[in-house]
């Protein structure tokens, strides 16, 4: 068993991980309301709670203590060898104590999974040059993709029948529509339209229905080019699981 934190495996630091991953389906958060003279209650889904993963670890090489302290601090990207190909956004918040003269002492590390999804680590970017096209979300939850649109002038696209518009500035030929990337260091979701070289925001060029960015439902999704000069769309899916 091994853990990888921000790209560094604990085994490479001489750390033995003794505990297998306890997979958790996060708790649903709901708000209940009641109506006079009506049976039961109504509930509104508010999202999923975070949860804790605990691992027993045993350090065996004192020269790596400092590296271990740096890894086990604050927000991290966590991978477990018994869940290959996936990762969590986690945080280490508890105090950790080691004694350099007390090697082979086992301690428990708690990771708080503050974004309660497991994300697919590597997915092939899908390039779409004609429509309609099918985009498969291999996860079990809604995914918020990165769309790289190549084109010019005003364009309109739709994802699962929900349209959105973008107007290219003269000289721009590519725009990225980030429907929801997670900044793990700041614990916040980023949603933007931008160009690169250098990076400049283009949010005002983007029109969204009800100001909601497109998303991918689990399974098959349909992307269509509705109007305008669109050369291609590259889709980074960001599939995830509960």
C-alpha atoms as a PDB file:
ATOM      1  CA  UNK A   1       0.000   0.000   0.000  1.00  0.00           C
ATOM      2  CA  UNK A   2       1.284   3.465  -0.849  1.00  0.00           C
ATOM      3  CA  UNK A   3       0.060   7.072  -0.884  1.00  0.00           C
ATOM      4  CA  UNK A   4       1.141   9.775  -3.312  1.00  0.00           C
ATOM      5  CA  UNK A   5       0.848  13.387  -2.163  1.00  0.00           C
ATOM      6  CA  UNK A   6       1.336  16.214  -4.654  1.00  0.00           C
ATOM      7  CA  UNK A   7       3.191  13.786  -6.909  1.00  0.00           C
ATOM      8  CA  UNK A   8       5.538  12.360  -4.240  1.00  0.00           C
ATOM      9  CA  UNK A   9       5.002   8.793  -3.023  1.00  0.00           C
ATOM     10  CA  UNK A  10       5.434   8.145   0.694  1.00  0.00           C
ATOM     11  CA  UNK A  11       7.315   4.930  -0.052  1.00  0.00           C
ATOM     12  CA  UNK A  12      10.033   7.014  -1.746  1.00  0.00           C
ATOM     13  CA  UNK A  13      10.522   8.733   1.630  1.00  0.00           C
ATOM     14  CA  UNK A  14      10.841   5.439   3.494  1.00  0.00           C
ATOM     15  CA  UNK A  15       7.277   5.570   4.854  1.00  0.00           C
ATOM     16  CA  UNK A  16       5.221   2.403   5.258  1.00  0.00           C
ATOM     17  CA  UNK A  17       1.454   2.838   4.822  1.00  0.00           C
ATOM     18  CA  UNK A  18      -0.356   0.137   6.770  1.00  0.00           C
ATOM     19  CA  UNK A  19      -4.027   0.962   6.159  1.00  0.00           C
ATOM     20  CA  UNK A  20      -6.130   0.244   3.082  1.00  0.00           C
ATOM     21  CA  UNK A  21      -8.474   2.987   1.854  1.00  0.00           C
ATOM     22  CA  UNK A  22     -11.918   3.046   3.452  1.00  0.00           C
ATOM     23  CA  UNK A  23     -14.077   4.235   0.553  1.00  0.00           C
ATOM     24  CA  UNK A  24     -16.870   6.552   1.678  1.00  0.00           C
ATOM     25  CA  UNK A  25     -20.081   7.652  -0.007  1.00  0.00           C
ATOM     26  CA  UNK A  26     -20.408  11.245   1.279  1.00  0.00           C
ATOM     27  CA  UNK A  27     -23.408  12.355   3.286  1.00  0.00           C
ATOM     28  CA  UNK A  28     -26.090  14.274   1.385  1.00  0.00           C
ATOM     29  CA  UNK A  29     -26.911  17.698   2.817  1.00  0.00           C
ATOM     30  CA  UNK A  30     -30.623  18.549   2.615  1.00  0.00           C
ATOM     31  CA  UNK A  31     -32.898  21.255   3.931  1.00  0.00           C
ATOM     32  CA  UNK A  32     -36.293  19.987   5.012  1.00  0.00           C
ATOM     33  CA  UNK A  33     -39.491  21.994   5.024  1.00  0.00           C
ATOM     34  CA  UNK A  34     -42.941  21.169   6.299  1.00  0.00           C
ATOM     35  CA  UNK A  35     -46.411  22.160   5.127  1.00  0.00           C
ATOM     36  CA  UNK A  36     -49.300  22.442   7.582  1.00  0.00           C
ATOM     37  CA  UNK A  37     -51.821  19.615   7.291  1.00  0.00           C
ATOM     38  CA  UNK A  38     -49.612  17.735   4.816  1.00  0.00           C
ATOM     39  CA  UNK A  39     -47.965  14.438   5.626  1.00  0.00           C
ATOM     40  CA  UNK A  40     -44.219  14.048   5.622  1.00  0.00           C
ATOM     41  CA  UNK A  41     -41.798  16.736   4.506  1.00  0.00           C
ATOM     42  CA  UNK A  42     -40.156  18.208   1.419  1.00  0.00           C
ATOM     43  CA  UNK A  43     -36.389  18.306   1.006  1.00  0.00           C
ATOM     44  CA  UNK A  44     -34.007  20.472  -1.007  1.00  0.00           C
ATOM     45  CA  UNK A  45     -30.638  18.981  -1.943  1.00  0.00           C
ATOM     46  CA  UNK A  46     -27.798  21.321  -0.917  1.00  0.00           C
ATOM     47  CA  UNK A  47     -24.749  19.232  -1.827  1.00  0.00           C
ATOM     48  CA  UNK A  48     -22.472  16.642  -0.239  1.00  0.00           C
ATOM     49  CA  UNK A  49     -20.481  16.899   2.976  1.00  0.00           C
ATOM     50  CA  UNK A  50     -16.754  16.337   3.150  1.00  0.00           C
ATOM     51  CA  UNK A  51     -15.401  13.347   5.044  1.00  0.00           C
ATOM     52  CA  UNK A  52     -12.200  11.988   6.589  1.00  0.00           C
ATOM     53  CA  UNK A  53      -9.805   9.285   5.380  1.00  0.00           C
ATOM     54  CA  UNK A  54      -7.362   7.911   7.964  1.00  0.00           C
ATOM     55  CA  UNK A  55      -4.164   6.008   7.281  1.00  0.00           C
ATOM     56  CA  UNK A  56      -1.640   4.440   9.633  1.00  0.00           C
ATOM     57  CA  UNK A  57       1.888   5.296   8.556  1.00  0.00           C
ATOM     58  CA  UNK A  58       5.312   4.332   9.852  1.00  0.00           C
ATOM     59  CA  UNK A  59       8.375   6.430   8.934  1.00  0.00           C
ATOM     60  CA  UNK A  60      11.609   4.445   8.686  1.00  0.00           C
ATOM     61  CA  UNK A  61      14.149   7.061   7.509  1.00  0.00           C
ATOM     62  CA  UNK A  62      14.758  10.138   9.691  1.00  0.00           C
ATOM     63  CA  UNK A  63      16.472  12.079   6.899  1.00  0.00           C
ATOM     64  CA  UNK A  64      13.084  12.427   5.183  1.00  0.00           C
ATOM     65  CA  UNK A  65      11.199  13.917   8.145  1.00  0.00           C
ATOM     66  CA  UNK A  66      11.384  17.477   6.796  1.00  0.00           C
ATOM     67  CA  UNK A  67      10.051  16.414   3.398  1.00  0.00           C
ATOM     68  CA  UNK A  68       7.246  14.532   5.113  1.00  0.00           C
ATOM     69  CA  UNK A  69       6.297  17.586   7.186  1.00  0.00           C
ATOM     70  CA  UNK A  70       6.034  19.698   4.029  1.00  0.00           C
ATOM     71  CA  UNK A  71       3.843  17.131   2.268  1.00  0.00           C
ATOM     72  CA  UNK A  72       1.508  16.614   5.218  1.00  0.00           C
ATOM     73  CA  UNK A  73       0.485  20.245   5.551  1.00  0.00           C
ATOM     74  CA  UNK A  74      -2.571  22.056   4.222  1.00  0.00           C
ATOM     75  CA  UNK A  75      -4.361  21.333   0.954  1.00  0.00           C
ATOM     76  CA  UNK A  76      -2.974  18.469  -1.099  1.00  0.00           C
ATOM     77  CA  UNK A  77      -3.742  16.203  -4.043  1.00  0.00           C
ATOM     78  CA  UNK A  78      -3.992  12.678  -2.633  1.00  0.00           C
ATOM     79  CA  UNK A  79      -3.631   9.395  -4.540  1.00  0.00           C
ATOM     80  CA  UNK A  80      -3.874   5.872  -3.118  1.00  0.00           C
ATOM     81  CA  UNK A  81      -2.327   2.797  -4.727  1.00  0.00           C
ATOM     82  CA  UNK A  82      -5.503   0.785  -4.041  1.00  0.00           C
ATOM     83  CA  UNK A  83      -7.519   3.266  -6.136  1.00  0.00           C
ATOM     84  CA  UNK A  84      -5.311   3.568  -9.246  1.00  0.00           C
ATOM     85  CA  UNK A  85      -6.084   6.290 -11.767  1.00  0.00           C
ATOM     86  CA  UNK A  86      -8.053   8.497  -9.381  1.00  0.00           C
ATOM     87  CA  UNK A  87      -7.274  11.249  -6.860  1.00  0.00           C
ATOM     88  CA  UNK A  88      -8.859  13.348  -4.125  1.00  0.00           C
ATOM     89  CA  UNK A  89      -8.592  17.003  -3.146  1.00  0.00           C
ATOM     90  CA  UNK A  90      -7.735  16.731   0.547  1.00  0.00           C
ATOM     91  CA  UNK A  91      -6.378  18.707   3.483  1.00  0.00           C
ATOM     92  CA  UNK A  92      -4.078  17.790   6.383  1.00  0.00           C
ATOM     93  CA  UNK A  93      -4.981  19.987   9.333  1.00  0.00           C
ATOM     94  CA  UNK A  94      -4.041  18.054  12.488  1.00  0.00           C
ATOM     95  CA  UNK A  95      -0.823  18.336  14.463  1.00  0.00           C
ATOM     96  CA  UNK A  96       1.757  15.662  13.614  1.00  0.00           C
ATOM     97  CA  UNK A  97       4.626  14.707  15.922  1.00  0.00           C
ATOM     98  CA  UNK A  98       7.649  12.550  15.183  1.00  0.00           C
ATOM     99  CA  UNK A  99      10.840  11.949  17.142  1.00  0.00           C
ATOM    100  CA  UNK A 100      13.995  11.456  15.130  1.00  0.00           C
ATOM    101  CA  UNK A 101      15.198   8.821  17.588  1.00  0.00           C
ATOM    102  CA  UNK A 102      11.887   6.927  17.505  1.00  0.00           C
ATOM    103  CA  UNK A 103      11.789   5.435  14.045  1.00  0.00           C
ATOM    104  CA  UNK A 104       9.301   2.689  13.244  1.00  0.00           C
ATOM    105  CA  UNK A 105       6.690   4.411  15.379  1.00  0.00           C
ATOM    106  CA  UNK A 106       3.236   4.206  13.832  1.00  0.00           C
ATOM    107  CA  UNK A 107       0.935   7.219  13.767  1.00  0.00           C
ATOM    108  CA  UNK A 108      -2.441   7.995  12.190  1.00  0.00           C
ATOM    109  CA  UNK A 109      -2.712  10.686   9.507  1.00  0.00           C
ATOM    110  CA  UNK A 110      -6.157  12.164   8.857  1.00  0.00           C
ATOM    111  CA  UNK A 111      -6.959  13.562   5.426  1.00  0.00           C
ATOM    112  CA  UNK A 112     -10.095  15.691   5.225  1.00  0.00           C
ATOM    113  CA  UNK A 113     -11.673  15.200   1.775  1.00  0.00           C
ATOM    114  CA  UNK A 114     -13.160  18.664   1.492  1.00  0.00           C
ATOM    115  CA  UNK A 115     -14.255  18.237  -2.144  1.00  0.00           C
ATOM    116  CA  UNK A 116     -16.151  14.947  -1.750  1.00  0.00           C
ATOM    117  CA  UNK A 117     -15.402  13.506  -5.210  1.00  0.00           C
ATOM    118  CA  UNK A 118     -12.754  11.167  -6.622  1.00  0.00           C
ATOM    119  CA  UNK A 119     -11.400  12.568  -9.877  1.00  0.00           C
ATOM    120  CA  UNK A 120     -10.016  10.688 -12.862  1.00  0.00           C
ATOM    121  CA  UNK A 121      -6.300  11.481 -13.018  1.00  0.00           C
ATOM    122  CA  UNK A 122      -5.687  11.137 -16.766  1.00  0.00           C
ATOM    123  CA  UNK A 123      -8.204  11.296 -19.612  1.00  0.00           C
ATOM    124  CA  UNK A 124      -7.519  11.727 -23.311  1.00  0.00           C
ATOM    125  CA  UNK A 125      -8.526  15.133 -24.686  1.00  0.00           C
ATOM    126  CA  UNK A 126     -11.336  14.644 -27.203  1.00  0.00           C
ATOM    127  CA  UNK A 127     -11.057  16.768 -30.352  1.00  0.00           C
ATOM    128  CA  UNK A 128     -14.332  17.409 -32.180  1.00  0.00           C
ATOM    129  CA  UNK A 129     -14.206  18.805 -35.714  1.00  0.00           C
ATOM    130  CA  UNK A 130     -17.826  18.230 -36.748  1.00  0.00           C
ATOM    131  CA  UNK A 131     -21.133  17.902 -34.965  1.00  0.00           C
ATOM    132  CA  UNK A 132     -23.195  16.486 -33.479  1.00  0.00           C
ATOM    133  CA  UNK A 133     -20.641  14.559 -31.440  1.00  0.00           C
ATOM    134  CA  UNK A 134     -20.888  12.351 -28.374  1.00  0.00           C
ATOM    135  CA  UNK A 135     -18.803  13.145 -25.293  1.00  0.00           C
ATOM    136  CA  UNK A 136     -18.707  10.382 -22.675  1.00  0.00           C
ATOM    137  CA  UNK A 137     -18.445  11.260 -18.981  1.00  0.00           C
ATOM    138  CA  UNK A 138     -17.064   8.025 -17.486  1.00  0.00           C
ATOM    139  CA  UNK A 139     -17.791   9.159 -13.930  1.00  0.00           C
ATOM    140  CA  UNK A 140     -20.886   8.841 -11.767  1.00  0.00           C
ATOM    141  CA  UNK A 141     -21.383  12.566 -11.123  1.00  0.00           C
ATOM    142  CA  UNK A 142     -21.746  15.765 -13.136  1.00  0.00           C
ATOM    143  CA  UNK A 143     -18.399  16.919 -14.569  1.00  0.00           C
ATOM    144  CA  UNK A 144     -17.365  20.469 -15.464  1.00  0.00           C
ATOM    145  CA  UNK A 145     -15.126  20.278 -18.563  1.00  0.00           C
ATOM    146  CA  UNK A 146     -12.544  22.559 -20.118  1.00  0.00           C
ATOM    147  CA  UNK A 147     -13.555  23.470 -23.682  1.00  0.00           C
ATOM    148  CA  UNK A 148     -10.994  24.868 -26.123  1.00  0.00           C
ATOM    149  CA  UNK A 149     -12.895  26.394 -29.038  1.00  0.00           C
ATOM    150  CA  UNK A 150     -11.084  27.274 -32.260  1.00  0.00           C
ATOM    151  CA  UNK A 151     -12.970  29.617 -34.560  1.00  0.00           C
ATOM    152  CA  UNK A 152     -13.713  33.241 -35.368  1.00  0.00           C
ATOM    153  CA  UNK A 153     -16.490  35.813 -35.061  1.00  0.00           C
ATOM    154  CA  UNK A 154     -19.705  35.030 -33.179  1.00  0.00           C
ATOM    155  CA  UNK A 155     -20.296  31.321 -32.555  1.00  0.00           C
ATOM    156  CA  UNK A 156     -23.026  29.324 -30.871  1.00  0.00           C
ATOM    157  CA  UNK A 157     -22.757  25.811 -29.466  1.00  0.00           C
ATOM    158  CA  UNK A 158     -24.958  23.582 -27.369  1.00  0.00           C
ATOM    159  CA  UNK A 159     -24.266  20.834 -24.865  1.00  0.00           C
ATOM    160  CA  UNK A 160     -27.200  18.475 -24.308  1.00  0.00           C
ATOM    161  CA  UNK A 161     -29.498  20.979 -25.971  1.00  0.00           C
ATOM    162  CA  UNK A 162     -28.466  23.948 -23.797  1.00  0.00           C
ATOM    163  CA  UNK A 163     -26.942  26.654 -25.996  1.00  0.00           C
ATOM    164  CA  UNK A 164     -24.217  29.175 -25.231  1.00  0.00           C
ATOM    165  CA  UNK A 165     -22.588  31.918 -27.310  1.00  0.00           C
ATOM    166  CA  UNK A 166     -19.108  33.354 -27.656  1.00  0.00           C
ATOM    167  CA  UNK A 167     -17.870  36.274 -29.771  1.00  0.00           C
ATOM    168  CA  UNK A 168     -14.184  36.151 -30.769  1.00  0.00           C
ATOM    169  CA  UNK A 169     -12.259  39.388 -30.735  1.00  0.00           C
ATOM    170  CA  UNK A 170     -10.417  40.260 -33.979  1.00  0.00           C
ATOM    171  CA  UNK A 171      -7.065  38.485 -33.838  1.00  0.00           C
ATOM    172  CA  UNK A 172      -8.263  35.754 -31.451  1.00  0.00           C
ATOM    173  CA  UNK A 173      -8.616  32.282 -32.927  1.00  0.00           C
ATOM    174  CA  UNK A 174      -8.859  30.184 -29.755  1.00  0.00           C
ATOM    175  CA  UNK A 175     -10.706  30.562 -26.471  1.00  0.00           C
ATOM    176  CA  UNK A 176     -10.828  28.343 -23.386  1.00  0.00           C
ATOM    177  CA  UNK A 177     -14.162  27.945 -21.591  1.00  0.00           C
ATOM    178  CA  UNK A 178     -13.334  26.616 -18.127  1.00  0.00           C
ATOM    179  CA  UNK A 179     -16.641  25.289 -16.837  1.00  0.00           C
ATOM    180  CA  UNK A 180     -15.296  24.555 -13.360  1.00  0.00           C
ATOM    181  CA  UNK A 181     -11.696  23.764 -12.445  1.00  0.00           C
ATOM    182  CA  UNK A 182     -10.793  23.272  -8.805  1.00  0.00           C
ATOM    183  CA  UNK A 183      -7.970  25.344  -7.309  1.00  0.00           C
ATOM    184  CA  UNK A 184      -6.928  23.011  -4.487  1.00  0.00           C
ATOM    185  CA  UNK A 185      -4.611  25.547  -2.846  1.00  0.00           C
ATOM    186  CA  UNK A 186      -7.427  28.104  -2.511  1.00  0.00           C
ATOM    187  CA  UNK A 187     -10.250  25.548  -2.090  1.00  0.00           C
ATOM    188  CA  UNK A 188     -12.373  27.277  -4.706  1.00  0.00           C
ATOM    189  CA  UNK A 189     -13.921  26.557  -8.098  1.00  0.00           C
ATOM    190  CA  UNK A 190     -12.748  28.665 -11.052  1.00  0.00           C
ATOM    191  CA  UNK A 191     -15.120  29.367 -13.961  1.00  0.00           C
ATOM    192  CA  UNK A 192     -13.776  31.609 -16.718  1.00  0.00           C
ATOM    193  CA  UNK A 193     -13.435  32.252 -20.425  1.00  0.00           C
ATOM    194  CA  UNK A 194      -9.875  33.193 -21.368  1.00  0.00           C
ATOM    195  CA  UNK A 195      -7.219  33.249 -24.075  1.00  0.00           C
ATOM    196  CA  UNK A 196      -3.549  32.413 -23.593  1.00  0.00           C
ATOM    197  CA  UNK A 197      -0.224  33.952 -24.636  1.00  0.00           C
ATOM    198  CA  UNK A 198      -0.548  35.885 -22.315  1.00  0.00           C
ATOM    199  CA  UNK A 199      -3.627  34.821 -20.334  1.00  0.00           C
ATOM    200  CA  UNK A 200      -6.457  37.354 -20.685  1.00  0.00           C
ATOM    201  CA  UNK A 201     -10.022  36.932 -19.468  1.00  0.00           C
ATOM    202  CA  UNK A 202     -12.814  36.977 -22.040  1.00  0.00           C
ATOM    203  CA  UNK A 203     -15.808  36.470 -19.751  1.00  0.00           C
ATOM    204  CA  UNK A 204     -17.684  39.414 -21.245  1.00  0.00           C
ATOM    205  CA  UNK A 205     -17.556  37.733 -24.662  1.00  0.00           C
ATOM    206  CA  UNK A 206     -19.394  34.672 -23.315  1.00  0.00           C
ATOM    207  CA  UNK A 207     -23.194  34.448 -22.975  1.00  0.00           C
ATOM    208  CA  UNK A 208     -24.594  31.641 -20.832  1.00  0.00           C
ATOM    209  CA  UNK A 209     -28.228  30.692 -20.110  1.00  0.00           C
ATOM    210  CA  UNK A 210     -29.007  31.797 -16.546  1.00  0.00           C
ATOM    211  CA  UNK A 211     -25.259  32.490 -16.140  1.00  0.00           C
ATOM    212  CA  UNK A 212     -24.638  28.744 -15.704  1.00  0.00           C
ATOM    213  CA  UNK A 213     -21.631  27.095 -17.343  1.00  0.00           C
ATOM    214  CA  UNK A 214     -22.143  23.891 -19.367  1.00  0.00           C
ATOM    215  CA  UNK A 215     -21.582  20.516 -17.713  1.00  0.00           C
ATOM    216  CA  UNK A 216     -21.359  16.841 -18.626  1.00  0.00           C
ATOM    217  CA  UNK A 217     -23.915  14.425 -17.211  1.00  0.00           C
ATOM    218  CA  UNK A 218     -22.763  10.869 -16.407  1.00  0.00           C
ATOM    219  CA  UNK A 219     -22.731   8.795 -19.594  1.00  0.00           C
ATOM    220  CA  UNK A 220     -23.268  10.142 -23.103  1.00  0.00           C
ATOM    221  CA  UNK A 221     -23.522  13.880 -23.826  1.00  0.00           C
ATOM    222  CA  UNK A 222     -24.191  15.613 -27.144  1.00  0.00           C
ATOM    223  CA  UNK A 223     -22.123  18.595 -28.295  1.00  0.00           C
ATOM    224  CA  UNK A 224     -23.359  20.527 -31.327  1.00  0.00           C
ATOM    225  CA  UNK A 225     -22.084  23.442 -33.401  1.00  0.00           C
ATOM    226  CA  UNK A 226     -25.164  25.618 -33.917  1.00  0.00           C
ATOM    227  CA  UNK A 227     -23.824  28.577 -35.892  1.00  0.00           C
ATOM    228  CA  UNK A 228     -20.730  30.571 -36.779  1.00  0.00           C
ATOM    229  CA  UNK A 229     -17.238  29.641 -37.914  1.00  0.00           C
ATOM    230  CA  UNK A 230     -16.109  26.803 -35.605  1.00  0.00           C
ATOM    231  CA  UNK A 231     -13.046  24.805 -36.627  1.00  0.00           C
ATOM    232  CA  UNK A 232     -12.899  22.463 -33.654  1.00  0.00           C
ATOM    233  CA  UNK A 233     -13.595  21.985 -29.956  1.00  0.00           C
ATOM    234  CA  UNK A 234     -11.174  20.159 -27.657  1.00  0.00           C
ATOM    235  CA  UNK A 235     -12.872  18.691 -24.583  1.00  0.00           C
ATOM    236  CA  UNK A 236     -11.032  17.922 -21.339  1.00  0.00           C
ATOM    237  CA  UNK A 237     -13.778  16.035 -19.508  1.00  0.00           C
ATOM    238  CA  UNK A 238     -12.691  15.962 -15.812  1.00  0.00           C
ATOM    239  CA  UNK A 239     -14.791  12.915 -14.969  1.00  0.00           C
ATOM    240  CA  UNK A 240     -15.364  12.259 -11.256  1.00  0.00           C
ATOM    241  CA  UNK A 241     -16.990   9.785  -8.885  1.00  0.00           C
ATOM    242  CA  UNK A 242     -18.807   9.944  -5.553  1.00  0.00           C
END
